Amino acid sequence: PRKERSRRSSSKEKNPYGLDSDPESSDSDASLRNAPTNYATMKTTPAGTTVMQFRPYVSSSTLDDFDEKASLTARRHWWERFLKLAIQGGWSDEMKVYELKLKMPPAVRNWRGQLAPKDRRDWKRFSRLLRREYVKSRMSEPERYYTMSKYKDETALALLYRLNLDAERADLNFRKSSADRERHIKRFIKKLSDDQLKRTLESQSFGRVPDLEFVLKQQEEVRQKDGPSARQSRDFRADNAIRDRYKPRRQDQAYVTQGDEDSGYDEVDEREQSWHPECPDA
């Protein structure tokens, strides 16, 4: 009996939250019986006074269960919210595994159950495997860049930011290479759903991506001023604002900049660029 009590005590020290103590106990009730409750810490001040600090328990009850069938974007947002709760609550690694286990649907629990014990219990191993299986895209970064499309309610400026980010991740040199930049801007314009904005942008020449961002910000400001009812009855004023600032595209493709600000990038003459095969658009 004494050896058995010693063995149980040692097991508790290794696994204080009772995580995966029984391979078959995957239900929430079994997990709740082992929920951690110690959220008070003792601290001794330089004067010798002992102060007890209480930290409120932050659970994941405000977060919906993880849905492995949701879109990749929704799954990523869920993962970000879970990590935010973990930071706010100051959860230990064991606590993160415990809380995440409570949010798993049956299919994800089964996936977790077939992992090696060290992969199920170690937070770094487990979170890395879960992200790879459910949170990360299976496409390569270049493939994701060339196949991305515009969301239904996404603004043109938001689309440009997203396309720029994917281009950075795909290691495309659209900031410094004029040839890459021109292809990048053409790809962006092609993905737009607003035909009038398409024609307006196609008639302009942009020496830098921030110049295109400036034009799109003007366009959004005009749309916000007009409101949804006025857009149908009046001319597209952003086109006038753009033409006042930018010259139409000419054969020599003169580039423009915003004011006298330094672009921060070295422009490369197109004649000095090596030939790049055009990648097919999505």
Protein backbone atom coordinates (compact mmCIF):
# COMPACT_ATOMS: atom_id res chain seq x y z
CA PRO A 1 0.00 0.00 0.00
CA ARG A 2 2.82 2.43 0.85
CA LYS A 3 4.49 1.79 -2.53
CA GLU A 4 1.17 2.27 -4.29
CA ARG A 5 0.58 5.63 -2.55
CA SER A 6 4.11 6.70 -3.50
CA ARG A 7 3.50 5.71 -7.11
CA ARG A 8 0.24 7.70 -7.22
CA SER A 9 1.94 10.75 -5.69
CA SER A 10 4.73 10.57 -8.27
CA SER A 11 2.19 10.28 -11.08
CA LYS A 12 0.37 13.39 -9.85
CA GLU A 13 3.56 15.41 -9.81
CA LYS A 14 4.34 14.45 -13.41
CA ASN A 15 0.78 15.10 -14.62
CA PRO A 16 -0.85 17.62 -12.23
CA TYR A 17 -3.91 18.22 -14.44
CA GLY A 18 -4.62 14.58 -15.17
CA LEU A 19 -4.21 15.06 -18.92
CA ASP A 20 -4.42 11.79 -20.85
CA SER A 21 -3.98 9.73 -17.69
CA ASP A 22 -6.48 7.34 -19.23
CA PRO A 23 -6.25 6.91 -23.01
CA GLU A 24 -9.97 6.16 -23.20
CA SER A 25 -11.12 9.14 -21.10
CA SER A 26 -11.70 11.73 -23.81
CA ASP A 27 -15.03 13.14 -22.63
CA SER A 28 -15.42 16.60 -21.12
CA ASP A 29 -16.67 15.34 -17.75
CA ALA A 30 -13.47 13.41 -17.14
CA SER A 31 -11.43 16.47 -18.04
CA LEU A 32 -13.47 18.79 -15.84
CA ARG A 33 -12.87 16.65 -12.78
CA ASN A 34 -9.16 17.36 -13.20
CA ALA A 35 -9.46 21.09 -13.95
CA PRO A 36 -6.70 23.18 -12.37
CA THR A 37 -7.76 25.49 -9.56
CA ASN A 38 -4.50 26.97 -8.21
CA TYR A 39 -4.48 30.62 -9.32
CA ALA A 40 -2.89 32.23 -6.25
CA THR A 41 0.81 32.97 -5.89
CA MET A 42 2.82 33.93 -2.81
CA LYS A 43 5.40 36.69 -3.09
CA THR A 44 7.75 38.00 -0.40
CA THR A 45 8.54 41.72 -0.52
CA PRO A 46 12.01 43.14 0.32
CA ALA A 47 10.61 44.19 3.70
CA GLY A 48 9.87 40.57 4.54
CA THR A 49 6.10 40.80 4.10
CA THR A 50 4.37 37.94 2.34
CA VAL A 51 1.83 39.04 -0.25
CA MET A 52 -0.67 36.72 -1.89
CA GLN A 53 -1.58 37.61 -5.46
CA PHE A 54 -4.78 36.30 -7.00
CA ARG A 55 -5.13 35.95 -10.75
CA PRO A 56 -8.66 35.50 -12.10
CA TYR A 57 -9.20 32.27 -13.95
CA VAL A 58 -9.70 32.82 -17.69
CA SER A 59 -11.39 29.85 -19.32
CA SER A 60 -12.17 29.15 -22.95
CA SER A 61 -15.92 29.10 -22.29
CA THR A 62 -16.38 32.33 -24.28
CA LEU A 63 -14.90 30.64 -27.35
CA ASP A 64 -16.93 28.38 -29.61
CA ASP A 65 -15.78 24.84 -30.26
CA PHE A 66 -13.23 24.39 -33.01
CA ASP A 67 -14.83 23.55 -36.36
CA GLU A 68 -12.53 21.56 -38.60
CA LYS A 69 -15.00 21.95 -41.50
CA ALA A 70 -14.95 25.77 -41.45
CA SER A 71 -12.98 27.79 -43.98
CA LEU A 72 -9.24 28.15 -43.55
CA THR A 73 -9.67 31.83 -42.65
CA ALA A 74 -12.24 31.00 -39.96
CA ARG A 75 -9.99 28.31 -38.51
CA ARG A 76 -7.07 30.73 -38.38
CA HIS A 77 -9.19 33.35 -36.61
CA TRP A 78 -10.32 30.74 -34.09
CA TRP A 79 -6.71 29.77 -33.40
CA GLU A 80 -5.72 33.41 -32.90
CA ARG A 81 -8.57 33.92 -30.41
CA PHE A 82 -7.56 30.79 -28.50
CA LEU A 83 -3.95 31.99 -28.22
CA LYS A 84 -5.21 35.39 -27.05
CA LEU A 85 -7.16 33.74 -24.23
CA ALA A 86 -4.10 31.68 -23.30
CA ILE A 87 -2.01 34.85 -23.00
CA GLN A 88 -4.67 36.72 -21.02
CA GLY A 89 -5.08 33.81 -18.62
CA GLY A 90 -1.38 33.14 -18.24
CA TRP A 91 -2.01 29.47 -18.94
CA SER A 92 0.78 26.98 -18.48
CA ASP A 93 1.55 24.56 -21.30
CA GLU A 94 -0.43 21.83 -19.53
CA MET A 95 -3.37 24.20 -19.19
CA LYS A 96 -3.25 25.05 -22.90
CA VAL A 97 -3.47 21.38 -23.79
CA TYR A 98 -6.33 20.92 -21.33
CA GLU A 99 -8.37 23.87 -22.62
CA LEU A 100 -7.75 23.00 -26.25
CA LYS A 101 -8.87 19.44 -25.62
CA LEU A 102 -12.23 20.73 -24.33
CA LYS A 103 -12.81 22.61 -27.58
CA MET A 104 -12.14 19.71 -29.91
CA PRO A 105 -14.97 18.10 -31.90
CA PRO A 106 -15.01 14.29 -32.11
CA ALA A 107 -13.09 14.14 -35.41
CA VAL A 108 -10.24 16.25 -34.04
CA ARG A 109 -10.21 14.26 -30.80
CA ASN A 110 -9.82 11.08 -32.80
CA TRP A 111 -6.97 12.65 -34.77
CA ARG A 112 -5.30 13.64 -31.50
CA GLY A 113 -5.87 10.20 -30.00
CA GLN A 114 -3.80 8.48 -32.69
CA LEU A 115 -0.77 10.69 -31.97
CA ALA A 116 2.11 9.46 -29.86
CA PRO A 117 1.68 10.24 -26.12
CA LYS A 118 4.56 12.73 -26.14
CA ASP A 119 2.92 14.57 -29.06
CA ARG A 120 -0.45 14.70 -27.29
CA ARG A 121 0.88 16.01 -23.98
CA ASP A 122 3.67 18.36 -25.00
CA TRP A 123 2.18 21.74 -25.96
CA LYS A 124 4.86 22.72 -28.48
CA ARG A 125 4.66 19.40 -30.30
CA PHE A 126 0.88 19.24 -30.15
CA SER A 127 0.25 22.83 -31.29
CA ARG A 128 2.70 22.45 -34.18
CA LEU A 129 0.99 19.28 -35.40
CA LEU A 130 -2.48 20.76 -35.01
CA ARG A 131 -1.55 23.90 -36.95
CA ARG A 132 -0.06 21.79 -39.72
CA GLU A 133 -3.17 19.60 -39.91
CA TYR A 134 -5.99 22.15 -39.51
CA VAL A 135 -4.74 25.76 -39.56
CA LYS A 136 -2.10 26.02 -42.27
CA SER A 137 -2.75 26.08 -45.99
CA ARG A 138 -1.54 23.06 -47.91
CA MET A 139 -0.67 25.20 -50.94
CA SER A 140 2.78 26.64 -51.48
CA GLU A 141 3.18 30.41 -51.11
CA PRO A 142 3.65 31.04 -54.87
CA GLU A 143 0.64 28.85 -55.67
CA ARG A 144 -1.43 30.74 -53.15
CA TYR A 145 -0.40 34.08 -54.69
CA TYR A 146 -1.29 33.08 -58.25
CA THR A 147 -4.63 31.46 -57.33
CA MET A 148 -6.01 33.94 -54.80
CA SER A 149 -9.31 35.65 -55.60
CA LYS A 150 -11.28 38.60 -54.28
CA TYR A 151 -13.73 38.08 -51.43
CA LYS A 152 -17.34 39.08 -52.01
CA ASP A 153 -17.41 42.19 -49.79
CA GLU A 154 -13.68 42.94 -49.89
CA THR A 155 -12.67 46.47 -50.86
CA ALA A 156 -10.10 47.07 -53.57
CA LEU A 157 -7.62 48.43 -51.02
CA ALA A 158 -8.03 45.40 -48.75
CA LEU A 159 -7.49 43.14 -51.76
CA LEU A 160 -4.28 44.98 -52.64
CA TYR A 161 -2.94 44.63 -49.08
CA ARG A 162 -3.69 40.90 -49.15
CA LEU A 163 -2.11 40.46 -52.57
CA ASN A 164 0.98 42.39 -51.43
CA LEU A 165 1.32 40.13 -48.40
CA ASP A 166 1.06 36.98 -50.51
CA ALA A 167 3.62 38.41 -52.94
CA GLU A 168 6.04 39.06 -50.07
CA ARG A 169 5.58 35.50 -48.81
CA ALA A 170 6.17 34.18 -52.33
CA ASP A 171 9.45 36.16 -52.51
CA LEU A 172 8.34 38.25 -55.49
CA ASN A 173 10.51 41.33 -55.95
CA PHE A 174 7.64 43.66 -56.87
CA ARG A 175 9.01 46.51 -54.74
CA LYS A 176 12.29 47.00 -56.61
CA SER A 177 11.81 45.30 -59.96
CA SER A 178 9.69 47.40 -62.34
CA ALA A 179 8.84 44.34 -64.45
CA ASP A 180 7.64 42.35 -61.41
CA ARG A 181 5.76 45.39 -60.14
CA GLU A 182 3.94 45.90 -63.44
CA ARG A 183 2.87 42.24 -63.54
CA HIS A 184 1.81 42.48 -59.89
CA ILE A 185 -0.37 45.55 -60.52
CA LYS A 186 -1.89 44.00 -63.67
CA ARG A 187 -2.75 40.88 -61.67
CA PHE A 188 -4.40 43.04 -59.01
CA ILE A 189 -6.47 44.98 -61.57
CA LYS A 190 -7.59 41.76 -63.24
CA LYS A 191 -9.00 40.46 -59.93
CA LEU A 192 -11.19 43.55 -59.36
CA SER A 193 -14.95 43.18 -59.77
CA ASP A 194 -15.61 46.92 -60.34
CA ASP A 195 -15.33 47.39 -64.12
CA GLN A 196 -15.29 51.18 -63.87
CA LEU A 197 -12.41 51.12 -61.41
CA LYS A 198 -10.63 48.63 -63.65
CA ARG A 199 -10.78 50.97 -66.63
CA THR A 200 -9.64 53.90 -64.50
CA LEU A 201 -6.60 52.07 -63.16
CA GLU A 202 -5.70 50.59 -66.54
CA SER A 203 -5.41 54.12 -67.95
CA GLN A 204 -2.82 55.08 -65.33
CA SER A 205 0.86 54.27 -64.87
CA PHE A 206 2.17 53.64 -61.35
CA GLY A 207 5.86 53.92 -60.49
CA ARG A 208 5.36 52.51 -57.00
CA VAL A 209 2.82 50.35 -55.26
CA PRO A 210 2.17 53.10 -52.64
CA ASP A 211 0.99 55.31 -55.54
CA LEU A 212 -1.67 52.72 -56.33
CA GLU A 213 -2.59 52.58 -52.64
CA PHE A 214 -3.03 56.37 -52.63
CA VAL A 215 -5.44 56.20 -55.57
CA LEU A 216 -7.50 53.44 -53.94
CA LYS A 217 -7.72 55.43 -50.70
CA GLN A 218 -9.05 58.39 -52.69
CA GLN A 219 -11.59 56.14 -54.33
CA GLU A 220 -12.79 54.78 -50.96
CA GLU A 221 -13.10 58.30 -49.51
CA VAL A 222 -15.25 59.39 -52.46
CA ARG A 223 -17.48 56.33 -52.11
CA GLN A 224 -17.92 56.93 -48.37
CA LYS A 225 -18.87 60.57 -49.01
CA ASP A 226 -21.34 59.71 -51.74
CA GLY A 227 -23.06 56.90 -49.87
CA PRO A 228 -24.71 53.88 -51.51
CA SER A 229 -27.65 55.86 -53.00
CA ALA A 230 -25.53 58.50 -54.72
CA ARG A 231 -23.20 56.03 -56.40
CA GLN A 232 -25.82 55.04 -58.97
CA SER A 233 -26.76 58.58 -60.05
CA ARG A 234 -23.48 60.49 -60.29
CA ASP A 235 -20.20 60.23 -62.15
CA PHE A 236 -17.31 58.36 -60.61
CA ARG A 237 -15.48 61.27 -59.01
CA ALA A 238 -12.46 59.21 -58.04
CA ASP A 239 -11.69 59.08 -61.75
CA ASN A 240 -11.48 62.88 -61.84
CA ALA A 241 -9.28 62.97 -58.73
CA ILE A 242 -6.99 60.39 -60.24
CA ARG A 243 -6.65 62.19 -63.57
CA ASP A 244 -5.84 65.47 -61.80
CA ARG A 245 -2.96 63.79 -60.06
CA TYR A 246 -1.73 61.30 -62.65
CA LYS A 247 -1.05 61.61 -66.33
CA PRO A 248 -2.54 59.06 -68.72
CA ARG A 249 -0.40 56.13 -69.74
CA ARG A 250 1.96 57.04 -72.59
CA GLN A 251 4.23 54.98 -74.72
CA ASP A 252 7.30 55.84 -72.66
CA GLN A 253 5.47 54.86 -69.42
CA ALA A 254 6.39 57.87 -67.30
CA TYR A 255 6.12 56.97 -63.60
CA VAL A 256 4.69 59.28 -60.96
CA THR A 257 5.19 59.61 -57.21
CA GLN A 258 3.39 61.21 -54.29
CA GLY A 259 4.88 64.66 -53.73
CA ASP A 260 8.60 64.85 -53.04
CA GLU A 261 8.77 61.94 -50.63
CA ASP A 262 11.58 59.49 -51.22
CA SER A 263 10.22 56.12 -52.23
CA GLY A 264 12.79 54.18 -50.21
CA TYR A 265 13.36 51.79 -53.10
CA ASP A 266 15.80 51.88 -56.01
CA GLU A 267 13.98 51.90 -59.33
CA VAL A 268 15.28 49.48 -61.94
CA ASP A 269 15.12 50.34 -65.64
CA GLU A 270 12.95 47.88 -67.51
CA ARG A 271 15.57 47.62 -70.25
CA GLU A 272 18.02 46.25 -67.69
CA GLN A 273 15.61 43.57 -66.52
CA SER A 274 16.12 40.01 -67.66
CA TRP A 275 13.22 38.38 -69.40
CA HIS A 276 10.65 36.89 -67.03
CA PRO A 277 8.09 34.39 -68.29
CA GLU A 278 4.61 35.52 -67.43
CA CYS A 279 2.99 33.34 -64.80
CA PRO A 280 -0.59 32.34 -65.62
CA ASP A 281 -3.29 34.15 -63.70
CA ALA A 282 -5.85 32.29 -61.69
